Amino acid sequence: MLAAVGAVIFAIAYLINVTSTDTDAAFTPISLMIAGLFFVALHFAGVGSGWSYPSRRRGRR
C-alpha cells in the first residue's frame, strides 16, 4: 500500500516538473520525489503490510 502512495507522489512530482507549474517551496518536484522515496523505503522495510497471524499447524500426521 505504501508503494502505491509513493507512486502517486512520483506522478504528481512528474506532472509538476513537466508542466513547469509554479508551486510553493514545500511542493517542489525534488521534495515530492524525496517523499515518494520515503514511502517506497517504508514499503520495502515491511511497514504497513498489516498484521501477520501465525498459521496454526494441524496435529502430527
Protein backbone atom coordinates (compact mmCIF):
# COMPACT_ATOMS: atom_id res chain seq x y z
CA MET A 1 0.00 0.00 0.00
CA LEU A 2 2.81 2.40 0.79
CA ALA A 3 4.41 1.73 -2.58
CA ALA A 4 1.16 2.86 -4.24
CA VAL A 5 1.28 6.09 -2.21
CA GLY A 6 4.87 6.58 -3.32
CA ALA A 7 3.89 6.01 -6.96
CA VAL A 8 1.12 8.61 -6.74
CA ILE A 9 3.54 11.13 -5.23
CA PHE A 10 6.05 10.38 -8.01
CA ALA A 11 3.30 11.00 -10.60
CA ILE A 12 2.40 14.34 -9.03
CA ALA A 13 6.07 15.37 -8.93
CA TYR A 14 6.44 14.38 -12.60
CA LEU A 15 3.40 16.39 -13.64
CA ILE A 16 4.64 19.46 -11.76
CA ASN A 17 8.05 19.10 -13.39
CA VAL A 18 6.75 18.55 -16.94
CA THR A 19 4.24 21.39 -16.87
CA SER A 20 6.71 23.76 -15.14
CA THR A 21 3.99 24.72 -12.69
CA ASP A 22 4.99 27.39 -10.18
CA THR A 23 4.25 26.00 -6.72
CA ASP A 24 5.09 26.86 -3.13
CA ALA A 25 8.51 25.95 -1.81
CA ALA A 26 7.13 22.93 0.06
CA PHE A 27 5.80 21.25 -3.10
CA THR A 28 8.81 21.29 -5.40
CA PRO A 29 9.35 18.19 -7.54
CA ILE A 30 12.51 17.36 -5.57
CA SER A 31 10.71 17.42 -2.20
CA LEU A 32 7.90 15.28 -3.60
CA MET A 33 10.45 12.84 -5.02
CA ILE A 34 12.06 12.53 -1.59
CA ALA A 35 8.63 11.91 -0.02
CA GLY A 36 7.92 9.24 -2.65
CA LEU A 37 11.24 7.54 -1.95
CA PHE A 38 10.42 7.62 1.76
CA PHE A 39 7.14 5.77 1.20
CA VAL A 40 8.77 3.22 -1.09
CA ALA A 41 11.51 2.64 1.51
CA LEU A 42 8.85 2.08 4.16
CA HIS A 43 7.17 -0.44 1.87
CA PHE A 44 10.44 -2.32 1.35
CA ALA A 45 11.05 -2.31 5.10
CA GLY A 46 7.73 -4.04 5.67
CA VAL A 47 5.96 -1.18 7.41
CA GLY A 48 2.24 -1.00 6.73
CA SER A 49 1.95 -4.53 5.43
CA GLY A 50 -0.66 -5.35 8.04
CA TRP A 51 -0.73 -7.83 10.85
CA SER A 52 0.58 -11.28 10.16
CA TYR A 53 -1.09 -14.05 12.06
CA PRO A 54 0.94 -17.19 12.56
CA SER A 55 -0.57 -20.15 10.83
CA ARG A 56 -1.61 -22.96 13.11
CA ARG A 57 -0.36 -26.35 12.23
CA ARG A 58 -2.56 -29.33 12.44
CA GLY A 59 -1.58 -32.24 14.62
CA ARG A 60 1.02 -34.76 13.62
CA ARG A 61 0.30 -36.90 10.60
